[in-house]
């Protein structure tokens, strides 16, 4: 495992996750109350024995850099690291990263160091738990040049994914991005019986979707990046490799979600609140790591809480009702507040008593959710000030609206942006 270098791609502009990506990159978006998306692939790496990790960043990367710097600190007696490779001008290149493959190309010197046999390419904004040692074993057993992780999906889900066609040995012989017609699907369908024979439960799923997780022989990747100008792994490097290299599939049979849209982010969070979540946050063998914040336990004063996740450092006052929701760090929720089917990201800090008094004297609500507020099917970003009797509910079932200072609706979900202020009595119109 020490001969594997890992590159975690920090993502592009994240426009489909806007406004959550207005001030941060996609991997820095908070998830499950106390983590950030980047914690998922980094934890998978550490739990798999991989500790030579580079994170490639470009857009809105300050909060991501801060989180990585404060969280992933290794002792001086090992050779592990999580290194940030931000886009920069160099003698060799004056351009920003033009795509996932170009991002790695601009950092070739880190691949050319001695002691590297394999390169693992990961996305920084997916929710899953995988032991990459299994993927490396599949790669070595097949004698492959490239191995790609794939998850079985139903054909009706294939139109939003890249679907692979295999031969009987598991070698990838075809690939189609987002097949739309039955004829296209017929070209890439996989016999569920073959999937079952590999020890993976097909359950009627007859398509194999790319997870965007690639394992390369180091020399193969160097050859591809040096001899071509391909900019993207999924759209260019991978399809071209199928034609000229031995590309093997590694089947994955677990929960996997690509957090690419407001809807997928919202639904993935709420699924974590159920009694039998599809992705289990707690694991004896594969914990999820994040920054140690040393916050006090949450204090709950006679509130009613059902099927919800409550992070550290919260105060929830009497009469509050919270159902099927995620409540993030340092959330302050007043009396008789109703929160249902929502994600509250919490706060980055506590306000001092004198600051709260100053807010009130100026007519501003203090940090947190004021008494009597009603929040339903909404995402409340960090450090928001929500006044008394505020109503954040999409009563008219609007699918989308333009952005305002108070927020917007995307995919039918109300999103209140980071640092927004909603005065007493405010309601969504």
Protein backbone atom coordinates (compact mmCIF):
# COMPACT_ATOMS: atom_id res chain seq x y z
CA UNK A 1 0.00 0.00 0.00
CA UNK A 2 2.97 2.32 0.48
CA UNK A 3 3.60 2.09 -3.27
CA UNK A 4 0.21 3.66 -4.09
CA UNK A 5 -0.17 7.42 -4.60
CA UNK A 6 -3.72 8.74 -4.27
CA UNK A 7 -5.09 11.83 -6.01
CA UNK A 8 -8.40 13.18 -4.73
CA UNK A 9 -10.01 15.58 -7.19
CA UNK A 10 -11.36 18.69 -5.48
CA UNK A 11 -14.11 19.31 -8.01
CA UNK A 12 -15.00 22.13 -10.34
CA UNK A 13 -17.31 25.09 -9.79
CA UNK A 14 -20.11 22.92 -8.38
CA UNK A 15 -22.84 24.93 -10.11
CA UNK A 16 -25.50 22.25 -9.56
CA UNK A 17 -24.91 22.48 -5.79
CA UNK A 18 -25.23 26.28 -5.77
CA UNK A 19 -25.80 28.15 -3.42
CA UNK A 20 -24.07 25.66 -1.08
CA UNK A 21 -20.97 26.17 -3.26
CA UNK A 22 -21.19 29.95 -3.34
CA UNK A 23 -18.41 30.30 -0.77
CA UNK A 24 -16.88 26.81 -0.73
CA UNK A 25 -15.87 23.99 -3.06
CA UNK A 26 -18.00 20.85 -3.34
CA UNK A 27 -15.74 18.67 -1.16
CA UNK A 28 -15.97 21.27 1.62
CA UNK A 29 -19.79 21.11 1.81
CA UNK A 30 -20.88 19.89 5.28
CA UNK A 31 -22.63 16.51 5.41
CA UNK A 32 -24.33 14.48 8.17
CA UNK A 33 -24.13 17.28 10.71
CA UNK A 34 -20.42 17.17 11.58
CA UNK A 35 -18.41 16.03 8.54
CA UNK A 36 -17.45 17.47 5.18
CA UNK A 37 -17.70 15.55 1.93
CA UNK A 38 -13.90 15.39 1.60
CA UNK A 39 -13.79 13.37 4.85
CA UNK A 40 -15.40 10.40 3.08
CA UNK A 41 -12.70 9.57 0.49
CA UNK A 42 -9.89 10.56 2.86
CA UNK A 43 -11.29 8.25 5.56
CA UNK A 44 -11.63 5.44 3.01
CA UNK A 45 -7.97 5.93 2.14
CA UNK A 46 -6.74 5.87 5.72
CA UNK A 47 -8.91 2.85 6.57
CA UNK A 48 -7.41 1.08 3.54
CA UNK A 49 -3.84 1.72 4.61
CA UNK A 50 -3.27 4.46 2.01
CA UNK A 51 -1.53 7.50 3.45
CA UNK A 52 0.22 9.18 0.51
CA UNK A 53 -2.63 11.43 -0.54
CA UNK A 54 -2.77 14.54 -2.72
CA UNK A 55 -5.89 16.72 -2.85
CA UNK A 56 -6.15 18.80 -6.04
CA UNK A 57 -8.07 22.05 -5.51
CA UNK A 58 -8.99 25.10 -7.53
CA UNK A 59 -12.34 26.85 -6.89
CA UNK A 60 -13.38 28.43 -3.56
CA UNK A 61 -10.79 26.32 -1.80
CA UNK A 62 -10.00 28.34 1.36
CA UNK A 63 -12.39 26.49 3.68
CA UNK A 64 -11.34 23.13 2.20
CA UNK A 65 -7.66 23.92 2.76
CA UNK A 66 -8.37 25.03 6.32
CA UNK A 67 -10.30 21.85 7.10
CA UNK A 68 -7.62 19.54 5.68
CA UNK A 69 -4.82 21.41 7.43
CA UNK A 70 -6.56 21.21 10.82
CA UNK A 71 -7.75 17.62 10.50
CA UNK A 72 -5.23 15.39 8.73
CA UNK A 73 -2.07 15.74 10.78
CA UNK A 74 0.36 12.82 10.80
CA UNK A 75 3.03 12.06 13.37
CA UNK A 76 6.72 12.49 12.64
CA UNK A 77 7.52 8.75 12.81
CA UNK A 78 5.67 7.77 9.63
CA UNK A 79 5.74 8.86 6.02
CA UNK A 80 2.03 9.59 5.63
CA UNK A 81 0.58 12.89 4.46
CA UNK A 82 -2.44 14.63 2.97
CA UNK A 83 -0.95 17.28 0.70
CA UNK A 84 -2.90 20.07 -1.00
CA UNK A 85 -2.03 20.72 -4.64
CA UNK A 86 -3.76 23.97 -5.53
CA UNK A 87 -3.87 25.21 -9.10
CA UNK A 88 -0.91 27.50 -9.66
CA UNK A 89 1.13 29.10 -12.38
CA UNK A 90 4.43 27.40 -13.06
CA UNK A 91 7.13 27.58 -15.72
CA UNK A 92 5.58 24.53 -17.37
CA UNK A 93 1.98 25.80 -17.24
CA UNK A 94 0.25 29.13 -16.72
CA UNK A 95 -3.29 27.73 -16.99
CA UNK A 96 -5.78 26.65 -14.37
CA UNK A 97 -6.80 23.01 -14.31
CA UNK A 98 -8.78 22.35 -17.49
CA UNK A 99 -10.28 19.08 -16.29
CA UNK A 100 -9.61 16.09 -14.04
CA UNK A 101 -6.87 14.58 -16.20
CA UNK A 102 -5.26 17.95 -16.82
CA UNK A 103 -5.17 18.56 -13.07
CA UNK A 104 -3.08 15.41 -12.58
CA UNK A 105 -0.98 16.23 -15.66
CA UNK A 106 0.01 19.57 -14.15
CA UNK A 107 1.34 17.68 -11.13
CA UNK A 108 3.29 14.94 -12.91
CA UNK A 109 6.39 15.48 -10.78
CA UNK A 110 4.56 13.92 -7.84
CA UNK A 111 3.88 10.79 -9.90
CA UNK A 112 7.47 10.54 -11.05
CA UNK A 113 8.87 10.18 -7.54
CA UNK A 114 10.49 6.82 -6.71
CA UNK A 115 8.56 4.08 -4.95
CA UNK A 116 5.22 4.53 -6.76
CA UNK A 117 3.73 1.57 -8.66
CA UNK A 118 0.05 2.51 -8.72
CA UNK A 119 -2.02 5.71 -8.80
CA UNK A 120 -5.55 5.82 -7.38
CA UNK A 121 -7.83 8.60 -8.67
CA UNK A 122 -10.82 9.53 -6.48
CA UNK A 123 -13.60 12.10 -6.44
CA UNK A 124 -13.90 14.42 -3.45
CA UNK A 125 -17.72 14.61 -3.42
CA UNK A 126 -19.11 11.09 -3.18
CA UNK A 127 -20.67 9.26 -0.23
CA UNK A 128 -19.63 5.60 0.11
CA UNK A 129 -17.40 3.28 2.12
CA UNK A 130 -14.84 1.18 0.25
CA UNK A 131 -11.71 -0.78 1.12
CA UNK A 132 -9.39 0.09 -1.76
CA UNK A 133 -7.20 -2.91 -0.93
CA UNK A 134 -9.85 -5.09 -2.58
CA UNK A 135 -9.66 -2.99 -5.73
CA UNK A 136 -5.88 -3.23 -5.81
CA UNK A 137 -6.11 -7.01 -5.41
CA UNK A 138 -8.54 -7.18 -8.36
CA UNK A 139 -6.18 -5.06 -10.43
CA UNK A 140 -3.14 -7.22 -9.69
CA UNK A 141 -5.01 -10.49 -10.16
CA UNK A 142 -6.20 -9.45 -13.63
CA UNK A 143 -2.83 -8.05 -14.68
CA UNK A 144 -4.65 -4.89 -15.76
CA UNK A 145 -3.28 -1.53 -16.88
CA UNK A 146 -6.33 0.28 -15.50
CA UNK A 147 -9.08 -0.83 -13.13
CA UNK A 148 -12.33 1.05 -12.67
CA UNK A 149 -14.83 0.61 -9.85
CA UNK A 150 -18.41 -0.10 -10.93
CA UNK A 151 -21.70 -0.43 -9.09
CA UNK A 152 -24.73 -2.38 -10.41
CA UNK A 153 -27.75 -0.16 -11.14
CA UNK A 154 -31.20 -0.63 -12.64
CA UNK A 155 -31.57 0.27 -16.31
CA UNK A 156 -33.96 3.10 -15.48
CA UNK A 157 -31.16 4.78 -13.53
CA UNK A 158 -28.62 4.47 -16.34
CA UNK A 159 -29.58 7.66 -18.18
CA UNK A 160 -27.66 9.77 -15.64
CA UNK A 161 -24.54 7.58 -15.45
CA UNK A 162 -21.67 6.19 -17.51
CA UNK A 163 -22.43 2.53 -18.26
CA UNK A 164 -19.84 -0.15 -19.11
CA UNK A 165 -19.97 -3.30 -21.20
CA UNK A 166 -17.78 -6.24 -20.16
CA UNK A 167 -16.59 -9.54 -21.55
CA UNK A 168 -16.81 -12.77 -19.57
CA UNK A 169 -13.49 -12.11 -17.80
CA UNK A 170 -14.60 -8.73 -16.45
CA UNK A 171 -12.57 -6.76 -18.94
CA UNK A 172 -14.23 -3.52 -20.04
CA UNK A 173 -14.87 -3.59 -23.80
CA UNK A 174 -17.38 -0.78 -24.19
CA UNK A 175 -18.61 2.38 -22.53
CA UNK A 176 -21.58 4.66 -23.09
CA UNK A 177 -22.16 7.94 -21.29
CA UNK A 178 -25.78 8.43 -20.16
CA UNK A 179 -27.61 6.02 -22.51
CA UNK A 180 -31.08 7.36 -23.31
CA UNK A 181 -32.78 4.76 -25.53
CA UNK A 182 -33.53 1.06 -25.24
CA UNK A 183 -31.23 0.42 -28.17
CA UNK A 184 -28.37 2.16 -26.39
CA UNK A 185 -29.12 0.27 -23.17
CA UNK A 186 -29.14 -3.05 -25.00
CA UNK A 187 -25.60 -2.28 -26.15
CA UNK A 188 -24.26 -2.01 -22.58
CA UNK A 189 -26.49 -4.26 -20.49
CA UNK A 190 -24.83 -6.92 -18.32
CA UNK A 191 -26.43 -10.25 -17.49
CA UNK A 192 -27.44 -10.13 -13.79
CA UNK A 193 -26.44 -13.79 -13.61
CA UNK A 194 -22.85 -12.87 -14.47
CA UNK A 195 -22.88 -10.20 -11.75
CA UNK A 196 -24.20 -12.75 -9.23
CA UNK A 197 -21.45 -15.19 -10.27
CA UNK A 198 -18.85 -12.62 -9.20
CA UNK A 199 -20.24 -12.65 -5.66
CA UNK A 200 -22.20 -9.40 -5.99
CA UNK A 201 -25.96 -9.29 -5.44
CA UNK A 202 -27.56 -8.08 -8.67
CA UNK A 203 -31.18 -7.99 -7.43
CA UNK A 204 -32.37 -7.36 -10.98
CA UNK A 205 -29.79 -4.66 -11.69
CA UNK A 206 -28.52 -5.14 -15.23
CA UNK A 207 -26.23 -2.16 -15.82
CA UNK A 208 -22.77 -1.44 -14.41
CA UNK A 209 -22.19 2.24 -13.70
CA UNK A 210 -18.78 3.86 -13.43
CA UNK A 211 -18.12 5.24 -9.95
CA UNK A 212 -15.40 7.56 -11.22
CA UNK A 213 -12.79 5.66 -9.18
CA UNK A 214 -9.74 4.65 -11.23
CA UNK A 215 -6.59 2.66 -10.42
CA UNK A 216 -3.71 3.02 -12.89
CA UNK A 217 -0.34 1.42 -13.21
CA UNK A 218 1.89 4.44 -12.66
CA UNK A 219 3.73 4.04 -15.98
CA UNK A 220 0.44 3.63 -17.87
CA UNK A 221 -0.91 6.88 -16.46
CA UNK A 222 2.32 8.74 -17.19
CA UNK A 223 2.26 7.50 -20.77
CA UNK A 224 -1.36 8.60 -21.28
CA UNK A 225 -0.88 12.05 -19.77
CA UNK A 226 2.42 12.78 -21.52
CA UNK A 227 1.46 11.55 -24.99
CA UNK A 228 -2.06 13.03 -25.16
CA UNK A 229 -3.78 16.28 -24.31
CA UNK A 230 -6.85 14.59 -22.80
CA UNK A 231 -8.42 16.82 -20.17
CA UNK A 232 -10.96 14.54 -18.46
CA UNK A 233 -10.67 11.01 -17.08
CA UNK A 234 -14.31 10.00 -17.48
CA UNK A 235 -14.94 11.47 -20.92
CA UNK A 236 -11.56 10.96 -22.60
CA UNK A 237 -8.88 8.96 -20.76
CA UNK A 238 -11.10 6.05 -19.73
CA UNK A 239 -12.86 5.54 -23.12
CA UNK A 240 -9.53 5.78 -24.96
CA UNK A 241 -7.92 3.30 -22.56
CA UNK A 242 -10.61 0.73 -23.33
CA UNK A 243 -9.44 0.69 -26.95
CA UNK A 244 -5.71 0.41 -26.30
CA UNK A 245 -5.20 -0.94 -22.77
CA UNK A 246 -6.37 -3.73 -20.51
CA UNK A 247 -9.11 -2.08 -18.48
CA UNK A 248 -10.61 -4.29 -15.78
CA UNK A 249 -13.73 -3.75 -13.69
CA UNK A 250 -13.86 -3.95 -9.89
CA UNK A 251 -17.42 -4.63 -8.75
CA UNK A 252 -18.65 -2.77 -5.69
CA UNK A 253 -21.79 -3.86 -3.86
CA UNK A 254 -22.55 -1.13 -1.36
CA UNK A 255 -24.13 2.27 -0.94
CA UNK A 256 -22.74 4.89 -3.30
CA UNK A 257 -24.09 8.37 -3.96
CA UNK A 258 -22.59 11.05 -6.15
CA UNK A 259 -23.44 14.32 -4.36
CA UNK A 260 -23.82 16.43 -7.47
CA UNK A 261 -27.11 18.28 -7.03
CA UNK A 262 -29.14 19.96 -4.31
CA UNK A 263 -31.66 17.13 -4.52
CA UNK A 264 -29.06 14.35 -4.16
CA UNK A 265 -27.39 16.19 -1.27
CA UNK A 266 -30.71 16.72 0.50
CA UNK A 267 -31.93 13.15 0.06
CA UNK A 268 -28.59 11.59 1.05
CA UNK A 269 -28.59 13.54 4.31
CA UNK A 270 -32.18 12.67 5.21
CA UNK A 271 -31.60 8.98 4.46
CA UNK A 272 -28.97 9.00 7.21
CA UNK A 273 -31.66 9.83 9.80
CA UNK A 274 -33.64 6.63 9.29
CA UNK A 275 -33.58 3.63 11.63
CA UNK A 276 -31.83 1.52 8.98
CA UNK A 277 -29.80 4.01 6.93
CA UNK A 278 -28.35 2.84 3.59
CA UNK A 279 -25.00 4.33 4.65
CA UNK A 280 -23.97 3.64 8.24
CA UNK A 281 -21.98 6.46 9.82
CA UNK A 282 -20.66 4.29 12.64
CA UNK A 283 -18.23 1.49 11.85
CA UNK A 284 -15.81 -0.32 14.11
CA UNK A 285 -13.40 -1.12 11.29
CA UNK A 286 -13.84 1.90 9.03
CA UNK A 287 -14.68 5.09 10.96
CA UNK A 288 -15.19 8.45 9.27
CA UNK A 289 -12.60 10.96 10.40
CA UNK A 290 -13.12 14.67 10.74
CA UNK A 291 -11.81 17.64 12.64
CA UNK A 292 -11.77 17.31 16.45
CA UNK A 293 -13.60 20.44 17.62
CA UNK A 294 -13.79 19.78 21.41
CA UNK A 295 -17.40 20.92 21.64
CA UNK A 296 -19.67 20.24 24.62
CA UNK A 297 -22.49 17.68 24.43
CA UNK A 298 -25.74 18.94 22.97
CA UNK A 299 -28.30 20.17 25.53
CA UNK A 300 -31.98 19.40 24.91
CA UNK A 301 -34.58 21.12 27.12
CA UNK A 302 -37.88 19.25 26.84
CA UNK A 303 -37.89 19.12 23.04
CA UNK A 304 -39.38 16.32 20.93
CA UNK A 305 -36.93 14.71 18.52
CA UNK A 306 -37.77 11.88 16.12
CA UNK A 307 -35.56 10.14 13.54
CA UNK A 308 -32.91 12.86 13.48
CA UNK A 309 -29.17 13.38 13.80
CA UNK A 310 -28.03 15.96 16.36
CA UNK A 311 -24.39 17.05 16.19
CA UNK A 312 -22.21 18.35 19.03
CA UNK A 313 -22.60 21.67 20.82
CA UNK A 314 -26.30 22.27 20.11
CA UNK A 315 -28.94 23.83 22.37
CA UNK A 316 -32.57 22.88 21.65
CA UNK A 317 -35.11 24.64 23.83
CA UNK A 318 -38.43 23.53 25.30
CA UNK A 319 -41.31 22.88 22.96
CA UNK A 320 -39.19 22.43 19.87
CA UNK A 321 -40.16 19.57 17.56
CA UNK A 322 -37.55 18.09 15.22
CA UNK A 323 -38.49 15.31 12.81
CA UNK A 324 -36.45 13.48 10.18
CA UNK A 325 -33.78 16.19 10.11
CA UNK A 326 -30.04 16.73 10.41
CA UNK A 327 -28.99 19.32 12.99
CA UNK A 328 -25.40 20.48 12.59
CA UNK A 329 -22.70 21.74 14.94
CA UNK A 330 -23.52 24.52 17.44
CA UNK A 331 -27.15 24.79 16.31
CA UNK A 332 -29.20 27.05 18.60
CA UNK A 333 -32.91 26.27 18.28
CA UNK A 334 -35.43 28.33 20.24
CA UNK A 335 -38.72 27.48 21.96
CA UNK A 336 -41.59 25.99 19.96
CA UNK A 337 -39.55 25.73 16.76
CA UNK A 338 -40.74 23.09 14.26
CA UNK A 339 -38.11 21.53 11.97
CA UNK A 340 -39.21 18.76 9.62
CA UNK A 341 -37.42 17.01 6.73
CA UNK A 342 -34.62 19.58 6.78
CA UNK A 343 -30.86 19.98 7.00
CA UNK A 344 -29.52 22.66 9.34
CA UNK A 345 -25.75 22.96 8.97
CA UNK A 346 -25.23 24.82 12.25
CA UNK A 347 -22.71 27.49 13.09
CA UNK A 348 -18.95 28.00 12.97
CA UNK A 349 -18.90 29.86 16.30
CA UNK A 350 -20.89 30.86 19.37
CA UNK A 351 -21.91 34.48 19.91
CA UNK A 352 -20.78 36.19 23.11
CA UNK A 353 -23.61 37.57 25.33
CA UNK A 354 -22.61 41.15 24.56
CA UNK A 355 -22.78 40.44 20.84
CA UNK A 356 -26.26 38.96 21.20
CA UNK A 357 -27.37 42.07 23.11
CA UNK A 358 -25.90 44.28 20.40
CA UNK A 359 -27.75 42.29 17.71
CA UNK A 360 -31.06 42.73 19.49
CA UNK A 361 -30.53 46.45 20.06
CA UNK A 362 -29.97 46.87 16.31
CA UNK A 363 -33.03 44.82 15.43
CA UNK A 364 -31.09 41.78 14.16
CA UNK A 365 -31.95 38.27 15.31
CA UNK A 366 -29.09 36.48 17.06
CA UNK A 367 -27.32 33.49 15.54
CA UNK A 368 -29.60 30.45 15.35
CA UNK A 369 -33.30 29.72 14.91
CA UNK A 370 -35.64 32.01 16.83
CA UNK A 371 -38.73 30.95 18.82
CA UNK A 372 -41.78 29.84 16.89
CA UNK A 373 -39.98 29.35 13.57
CA UNK A 374 -41.26 26.69 11.17
CA UNK A 375 -38.80 25.03 8.80
CA UNK A 376 -39.81 22.27 6.41
CA UNK A 377 -38.07 20.63 3.45
CA UNK A 378 -35.21 23.11 3.59
CA UNK A 379 -31.45 23.38 3.78
CA UNK A 380 -30.19 26.10 6.13
CA UNK A 381 -26.52 26.82 5.52
CA UNK A 382 -24.11 27.86 8.26
CA UNK A 383 -24.21 31.00 10.44
CA UNK A 384 -27.78 32.01 9.58
CA UNK A 385 -29.90 34.32 11.77
CA UNK A 386 -33.54 33.29 11.73
CA UNK A 387 -35.91 35.49 13.71
CA UNK A 388 -39.09 34.85 15.71
CA UNK A 389 -41.98 33.12 13.91
CA UNK A 390 -40.14 32.86 10.60
CA UNK A 391 -41.76 30.43 8.14
CA UNK A 392 -39.45 28.62 5.70
CA UNK A 393 -41.86 26.33 3.85
CA UNK A 394 -42.41 25.87 0.12
CA UNK A 395 -46.22 25.95 0.45
CA UNK A 396 -46.81 26.53 -3.25
CA UNK A 397 -44.59 23.60 -4.35
CA UNK A 398 -42.43 25.87 -6.49
CA UNK A 399 -39.71 23.95 -8.31
CA UNK A 400 -37.14 26.76 -8.61
CA UNK A 401 -36.71 30.50 -8.05
CA UNK A 402 -34.00 33.07 -8.63
CA UNK A 403 -31.45 33.71 -5.91
CA UNK A 404 -32.05 36.43 -3.32
CA UNK A 405 -30.19 37.40 -0.14
CA UNK A 406 -32.63 35.26 1.83
CA UNK A 407 -32.27 32.20 -0.37
CA UNK A 408 -33.73 30.35 -3.30
CA UNK A 409 -35.64 27.20 -4.22
CA UNK A 410 -33.87 24.44 -6.17
CA UNK A 411 -35.40 21.06 -6.97
CA UNK A 412 -38.37 22.11 -4.81
CA UNK A 413 -36.08 22.50 -1.76
CA UNK A 414 -35.68 25.84 0.01
CA UNK A 415 -32.01 26.75 0.43
CA UNK A 416 -31.04 29.57 2.80
CA UNK A 417 -27.45 30.64 2.00
CA UNK A 418 -24.59 30.92 4.43
CA UNK A 419 -24.78 33.95 6.72
CA UNK A 420 -28.33 34.95 5.70
CA UNK A 421 -30.55 36.99 8.01
CA UNK A 422 -34.33 36.40 8.07
CA UNK A 423 -36.02 39.04 10.28
CA UNK A 424 -38.89 38.36 12.70
CA UNK A 425 -42.05 37.26 10.93
CA UNK A 426 -40.35 36.61 7.57
CA UNK A 427 -42.03 34.02 5.38
CA UNK A 428 -41.34 32.52 1.97
CA UNK A 429 -43.42 34.06 -0.81
